[in-house]
Amino acid sequence: MKKKIGVLVLSYGTPKSLDDVEAYYTHIRRGSPPAPEQLKELKDRYEAIVGGVFPLRENTDRQVQRMQEELNKFNLPDAEFVCYQGLKHTDPFIEDGVRNMAADGIKEAVGIVLAPHYSTMSVGTYIKRAKATAEEVGVQMSFIESYHLHPKLIEAFSQRVSAKLDLFEEIGAKRDEVKVLFSAHSLPERILTMGDPYRDQLLETSEAVAAAAGVTNWQFTWQSAGRTAEPWLGPDVLETMKDLSERDVRYMLVSPLGFVSDHLEVLYDLDIEAQEVAEELDVRVMRIDSLNTDPLYMETLAECVLAECRKEALVHG
């Protein structure tokens, strides 16, 4: 009989509906309810994207299901994989995912975050919560901290960059005229004094994707910074677009390598907000398609989990 190995798939989480947005926002704010105008602004953003809240949640569900299918394609003689969701700011919370494993009798597990780059302020917080609950309920759990240079991840991103550069050529722009803007979610600047690897890993991914796609005209920028008093990493993608416009760059391709799914930060911050700025600047801006359940991304996740299982001697096949 094959033993079951749990896989905790961790992500930020999205409210299930507009009715859940207030509780979700309150959790992000560590129990402090948002002001009415803050709540309205977030709801308006969800309502502005095509389909509203629901596609975001469904997409994560599909990723988890596809990942389980990909893992079990290995057909190991001694193990079967069972994937569980653990969300940072809504149910099923990270702690719920771990407890659900334990309730199903799973004793050994691996955790992986749907974000390729490690930061103590992002991936590190997911792992800390999962590890504490795993110890509490008696599940032996190890974690994959990052996978930012996995060859299949780089291939998946580079294919998307190349595909959109082909579209620019169709409208008469030469490939080397298009400035490729690799982007990721900003974090507070203090991570730089903490020796945090987040920025360096993002630059390594950017360099690898650019090389694979044959791109030399690129730069890195940030997006979606929080609205707090402390400074966040910049420049923001909107500032970068304005600066490039002033230097007569007319074509830009935004490649959000820090995101693997169609999140609000992609569908609103880039597809709506950045496009409004592009129109004001009279420049042409496109965005690469998100990975979502791309086979190469699913294989990336599955191969990382299998490698971790072998390292921890959870499997022998």
Protein backbone atom coordinates (compact mmCIF):
# COMPACT_ATOMS: atom_id res chain seq x y z
CA MET A 1 0.00 0.00 0.00
CA LYS A 2 1.37 3.39 -0.99
CA LYS A 3 1.85 5.97 1.74
CA LYS A 4 0.32 9.39 1.22
CA ILE A 5 2.62 12.39 1.16
CA GLY A 6 1.00 15.75 1.73
CA VAL A 7 1.88 18.78 -0.38
CA LEU A 8 0.89 22.12 1.11
CA VAL A 9 0.46 24.60 -1.74
CA LEU A 10 0.76 28.06 -0.22
CA SER A 11 -0.46 31.33 -1.70
CA TYR A 12 -1.65 34.80 -0.72
CA GLY A 13 -5.33 34.07 -1.20
CA THR A 14 -8.27 35.90 -2.71
CA PRO A 15 -11.74 36.50 -1.25
CA LYS A 16 -14.42 34.14 -2.58
CA SER A 17 -16.81 36.98 -3.34
CA LEU A 18 -17.24 40.71 -2.85
CA ASP A 19 -19.03 39.95 0.43
CA ASP A 20 -15.79 38.46 1.77
CA VAL A 21 -13.57 41.42 0.84
CA GLU A 22 -13.95 43.21 4.19
CA ALA A 23 -12.91 40.17 6.25
CA TYR A 24 -10.02 39.54 3.83
CA TYR A 25 -8.82 43.15 4.03
CA THR A 26 -9.17 43.13 7.82
CA HIS A 27 -6.95 40.04 8.01
CA ILE A 28 -4.31 41.70 5.81
CA ARG A 29 -4.45 44.66 8.21
CA ARG A 30 -3.83 42.30 11.17
CA GLY A 31 -7.34 42.60 12.56
CA SER A 32 -7.83 46.32 11.99
CA PRO A 33 -10.92 46.91 9.80
CA PRO A 34 -10.35 49.15 6.77
CA ALA A 35 -11.91 52.58 6.59
CA PRO A 36 -15.03 52.74 4.39
CA GLU A 37 -13.16 54.53 1.60
CA GLN A 38 -10.36 51.91 1.68
CA LEU A 39 -12.87 49.09 1.47
CA LYS A 40 -14.69 50.76 -1.41
CA GLU A 41 -11.45 51.24 -3.32
CA LEU A 42 -10.51 47.55 -3.04
CA LYS A 43 -14.02 46.41 -4.00
CA ASP A 44 -13.96 48.76 -6.97
CA ARG A 45 -10.72 47.19 -8.13
CA TYR A 46 -12.17 43.70 -8.00
CA GLU A 47 -15.29 44.86 -9.83
CA ALA A 48 -13.16 46.53 -12.53
CA ILE A 49 -11.37 43.37 -13.62
CA VAL A 50 -13.07 41.01 -16.05
CA GLY A 51 -15.19 38.53 -14.12
CA GLY A 52 -14.57 40.15 -10.75
CA VAL A 53 -13.23 38.09 -7.83
CA PHE A 54 -14.12 34.61 -8.93
CA PRO A 55 -11.58 33.77 -11.66
CA LEU A 56 -8.71 34.49 -9.28
CA ARG A 57 -9.91 31.98 -6.73
CA GLU A 58 -10.80 29.37 -9.34
CA ASN A 59 -7.39 29.73 -10.93
CA THR A 60 -5.61 28.82 -7.68
CA ASP A 61 -7.93 25.83 -7.24
CA ARG A 62 -7.00 24.64 -10.73
CA GLN A 63 -3.29 25.09 -10.04
CA VAL A 64 -3.50 22.90 -6.93
CA GLN A 65 -5.49 20.21 -8.74
CA ARG A 66 -3.17 20.19 -11.74
CA MET A 67 -0.13 20.04 -9.49
CA GLN A 68 -1.49 16.95 -7.74
CA GLU A 69 -2.09 15.31 -11.12
CA GLU A 70 1.43 16.20 -12.28
CA LEU A 71 3.00 14.78 -9.11
CA ASN A 72 1.15 11.49 -9.42
CA LYS A 73 2.31 11.13 -13.02
CA PHE A 74 5.65 10.13 -11.51
CA ASN A 75 3.83 6.93 -10.49
CA LEU A 76 6.17 6.23 -7.59
CA PRO A 77 6.02 2.65 -6.29
CA ASP A 78 5.92 3.71 -2.63
CA ALA A 79 4.07 7.02 -2.49
CA GLU A 80 0.98 8.95 -3.59
CA PHE A 81 0.79 12.74 -3.40
CA VAL A 82 -2.17 14.65 -1.98
CA CYS A 83 -2.22 18.45 -2.37
CA TYR A 84 -3.79 20.85 0.12
CA GLN A 85 -4.26 24.60 -0.09
CA GLY A 86 -3.00 26.98 2.56
CA LEU A 87 -3.86 30.65 2.07
CA LYS A 88 -2.28 33.55 3.91
CA HIS A 89 -5.29 35.84 4.30
CA THR A 90 -8.47 33.82 3.79
CA ASP A 91 -9.80 30.31 4.20
CA PRO A 92 -8.56 27.70 3.94
CA PHE A 93 -5.83 29.43 5.92
CA ILE A 94 -2.30 28.02 6.08
CA GLU A 95 -3.10 26.48 9.45
CA ASP A 96 -6.26 24.89 8.02
CA GLY A 97 -4.27 23.22 5.25
CA VAL A 98 -1.84 21.64 7.70
CA ARG A 99 -4.62 20.50 10.04
CA ASN A 100 -6.55 19.02 7.12
CA MET A 101 -3.48 16.92 6.29
CA ALA A 102 -3.20 15.71 9.86
CA ALA A 103 -6.92 14.88 9.96
CA ASP A 104 -6.42 12.72 6.86
CA GLY A 105 -3.68 10.79 8.62
CA ILE A 106 -0.76 12.30 6.72
CA LYS A 107 2.50 12.29 8.67
CA GLU A 108 4.99 13.56 6.07
CA ALA A 109 4.63 16.61 3.85
CA VAL A 110 6.34 19.23 1.72
CA GLY A 111 5.36 22.89 1.45
CA ILE A 112 5.78 25.05 -1.66
CA VAL A 113 4.65 28.62 -2.32
CA LEU A 114 3.13 29.81 -5.60
CA ALA A 115 5.89 32.43 -5.80
CA PRO A 116 9.34 31.56 -7.15
CA HIS A 117 11.39 34.12 -5.19
CA TYR A 118 12.20 34.01 -1.48
CA SER A 119 11.88 36.88 0.95
CA THR A 120 11.69 36.73 4.71
CA MET A 121 8.75 39.13 4.44
CA SER A 122 6.77 37.01 1.98
CA VAL A 123 7.61 33.32 1.52
CA GLY A 124 9.33 33.29 4.91
CA THR A 125 6.09 34.24 6.69
CA TYR A 126 4.16 31.43 4.95
CA ILE A 127 6.75 28.88 6.01
CA LYS A 128 6.86 30.14 9.60
CA ARG A 129 3.09 29.71 10.03
CA ALA A 130 2.99 26.31 8.35
CA LYS A 131 5.96 25.01 10.33
CA ALA A 132 4.43 26.07 13.67
CA THR A 133 1.15 24.27 12.92
CA ALA A 134 2.92 21.19 11.55
CA GLU A 135 4.87 20.83 14.79
CA GLU A 136 1.66 21.29 16.77
CA VAL A 137 -0.22 18.50 14.94
CA GLY A 138 2.68 16.12 14.42
CA VAL A 139 3.26 16.43 10.67
CA GLN A 140 6.89 16.21 9.52
CA MET A 141 7.16 19.00 6.97
CA SER A 142 10.01 20.42 4.91
CA PHE A 143 9.82 23.44 2.61
CA ILE A 144 10.99 24.62 -0.79
CA GLU A 145 12.09 28.21 -0.27
CA SER A 146 12.60 29.24 -3.90
CA TYR A 147 12.79 27.89 -7.44
CA HIS A 148 13.57 31.07 -9.33
CA LEU A 149 16.09 29.51 -11.72
CA HIS A 150 14.37 26.22 -12.47
CA PRO A 151 15.01 25.61 -16.21
CA LYS A 152 11.34 24.95 -17.00
CA LEU A 153 10.25 28.13 -15.21
CA ILE A 154 12.76 30.13 -17.25
CA GLU A 155 11.56 28.42 -20.43
CA ALA A 156 7.91 29.16 -19.65
CA PHE A 157 8.60 32.85 -19.04
CA SER A 158 10.90 33.22 -22.05
CA GLN A 159 8.28 31.65 -24.34
CA ARG A 160 5.79 34.26 -23.19
CA VAL A 161 8.22 37.13 -23.71
CA SER A 162 9.03 35.91 -27.23
CA ALA A 163 5.35 35.45 -28.11
CA LYS A 164 4.52 39.05 -27.19
CA LEU A 165 7.58 40.41 -28.97
CA ASP A 166 6.26 38.64 -32.08
CA LEU A 167 3.02 40.60 -31.66
CA PHE A 168 4.97 43.86 -31.52
CA GLU A 169 6.63 42.92 -34.82
CA GLU A 170 3.18 42.42 -36.33
CA ILE A 171 2.31 46.05 -35.55
CA GLY A 172 5.55 47.28 -37.09
CA ALA A 173 7.87 47.52 -34.08
CA LYS A 174 11.32 45.94 -34.31
CA ARG A 175 12.13 43.59 -31.43
CA ASP A 176 15.05 45.70 -30.22
CA GLU A 177 12.79 48.78 -30.13
CA VAL A 178 10.66 47.17 -27.40
CA LYS A 179 11.83 47.81 -23.85
CA VAL A 180 11.11 44.71 -21.77
CA LEU A 181 10.21 45.64 -18.19
CA PHE A 182 10.60 42.74 -15.78
CA SER A 183 8.60 43.45 -12.64
CA ALA A 184 7.64 42.07 -9.24
CA HIS A 185 5.70 43.11 -6.16
CA SER A 186 7.60 45.75 -4.23
CA LEU A 187 8.55 45.22 -0.60
CA PRO A 188 9.73 47.70 2.05
CA GLU A 189 13.26 48.98 1.39
CA ARG A 190 14.47 47.67 4.74
CA ILE A 191 14.81 44.18 3.28
CA LEU A 192 18.02 45.43 1.63
CA THR A 193 19.69 45.93 5.00
CA MET A 194 18.51 42.50 6.18
CA GLY A 195 20.51 40.57 3.60
CA ASP A 196 17.24 39.40 2.06
CA PRO A 197 17.73 37.53 -1.26
CA TYR A 198 14.48 38.74 -2.89
CA ARG A 199 15.88 41.47 -5.16
CA ASP A 200 18.91 39.43 -6.21
CA GLN A 201 16.80 36.38 -7.06
CA LEU A 202 14.47 38.53 -9.17
CA LEU A 203 17.41 39.99 -11.08
CA GLU A 204 18.81 36.48 -11.64
CA THR A 205 15.46 35.34 -13.06
CA SER A 206 15.27 38.44 -15.26
CA GLU A 207 18.76 37.87 -16.64
CA ALA A 208 18.03 34.18 -17.33
CA VAL A 209 14.71 34.90 -19.07
CA ALA A 210 16.22 37.72 -21.13
CA ALA A 211 19.07 35.45 -22.24
CA ALA A 212 16.70 32.62 -23.14
CA ALA A 213 14.46 34.98 -25.15
CA GLY A 214 17.37 36.74 -26.83
CA VAL A 215 16.45 40.07 -25.24
CA THR A 216 19.10 42.70 -24.57
CA ASN A 217 16.86 45.80 -24.25
CA TRP A 218 15.42 45.30 -20.76
CA GLN A 219 15.37 46.65 -17.23
CA PHE A 220 13.87 45.73 -13.89
CA THR A 221 11.15 47.71 -12.14
CA TRP A 222 8.75 47.31 -9.23
CA GLN A 223 4.97 47.45 -8.86
CA SER A 224 2.05 47.31 -6.43
CA ALA A 225 3.86 48.86 -3.44
CA GLY A 226 1.92 49.05 -0.18
CA ARG A 227 0.63 52.38 1.06
CA THR A 228 2.55 52.73 4.28
CA ALA A 229 4.72 55.43 5.78
CA GLU A 230 7.99 53.56 5.23
CA PRO A 231 9.72 53.64 1.83
CA TRP A 232 9.21 50.73 -0.58
CA LEU A 233 11.50 49.45 -3.32
CA GLY A 234 11.26 51.45 -6.54
CA PRO A 235 10.96 52.83 -9.10
CA ASP A 236 7.37 51.80 -9.68
CA VAL A 237 6.44 50.53 -13.14
CA LEU A 238 4.26 53.60 -13.77
CA GLU A 239 7.20 55.90 -13.03
CA THR A 240 9.42 53.77 -15.24
CA MET A 241 6.93 54.04 -18.10
CA LYS A 242 6.86 57.83 -17.79
CA ASP A 243 10.65 58.03 -17.68
CA LEU A 244 10.99 55.83 -20.77
CA SER A 245 8.36 57.88 -22.59
CA GLU A 246 10.39 61.04 -21.94
CA ARG A 247 13.32 59.25 -23.58
CA ASP A 248 11.19 58.51 -26.65
CA VAL A 249 10.65 54.81 -25.96
CA ARG A 250 7.33 54.05 -27.68
CA TYR A 251 7.02 50.29 -27.12
CA MET A 252 7.15 48.46 -23.78
CA LEU A 253 6.49 44.87 -22.72
CA VAL A 254 5.76 44.35 -19.02
CA SER A 255 6.83 40.92 -17.81
CA PRO A 256 5.74 40.42 -14.17
CA LEU A 257 8.13 37.60 -13.22
CA GLY A 258 7.22 37.88 -9.55
CA PHE A 259 3.68 36.65 -10.28
CA VAL A 260 2.73 33.20 -11.55
CA SER A 261 -1.03 33.79 -11.74
CA ASP A 262 -3.60 36.33 -12.84
CA HIS A 263 -3.72 38.23 -9.54
CA LEU A 264 -5.30 41.62 -8.85
CA GLU A 265 -1.81 43.11 -9.15
CA VAL A 266 -1.68 41.87 -12.73
CA LEU A 267 -5.29 42.25 -13.88
CA TYR A 268 -5.79 45.69 -12.30
CA ASP A 269 -2.37 47.26 -11.68
CA LEU A 270 -1.03 46.31 -15.13
CA ASP A 271 -4.03 45.65 -17.36
CA ILE A 272 -6.04 48.67 -16.22
CA GLU A 273 -3.89 51.18 -14.34
CA ALA A 274 -0.74 50.83 -16.47
CA GLN A 275 -2.80 50.84 -19.67
CA GLU A 276 -4.44 54.12 -18.64
CA VAL A 277 -0.99 55.64 -18.14
CA ALA A 278 0.16 54.22 -21.50
CA GLU A 279 -2.76 55.93 -23.19
CA GLU A 280 -1.89 59.25 -21.54
CA LEU A 281 1.72 58.87 -22.65
CA ASP A 282 0.74 57.73 -26.15
CA VAL A 283 2.92 54.61 -25.90
CA ARG A 284 2.11 50.99 -26.71
CA VAL A 285 2.34 48.65 -23.71
CA MET A 286 1.66 44.92 -23.63
CA ARG A 287 1.96 42.35 -20.86
CA ILE A 288 3.08 38.74 -21.06
CA ASP A 289 0.43 36.12 -20.32
CA SER A 290 0.49 34.74 -16.79
CA LEU A 291 1.70 31.18 -16.19
CA ASN A 292 -1.43 29.98 -14.36
CA THR A 293 -1.61 26.23 -15.16
CA ASP A 294 0.98 26.24 -17.93
CA PRO A 295 2.39 22.67 -18.23
CA LEU A 296 5.97 23.88 -17.83
CA TYR A 297 5.07 25.67 -14.59
CA MET A 298 3.19 22.65 -13.26
CA GLU A 299 6.22 20.49 -14.09
CA THR A 300 8.47 23.00 -12.32
CA LEU A 301 6.44 22.71 -9.11
CA ALA A 302 6.17 18.92 -9.31
CA GLU A 303 9.87 18.44 -9.94
CA CYS A 304 10.76 20.72 -7.02
CA VAL A 305 8.48 18.74 -4.70
CA LEU A 306 9.86 15.40 -5.86
CA ALA A 307 13.44 16.60 -5.40
CA GLU A 308 12.60 17.74 -1.86
CA CYS A 309 10.97 14.40 -1.09
CA ARG A 310 14.08 12.55 -2.27
CA LYS A 311 16.34 14.86 -0.28
CA GLU A 312 14.31 14.18 2.86
CA ALA A 313 14.14 10.43 2.02
CA LEU A 314 10.32 10.54 1.95
CA VAL A 315 10.33 8.53 -1.28
CA HIS A 316 12.70 6.05 -2.86
CA GLY A 317 11.36 5.90 -6.41
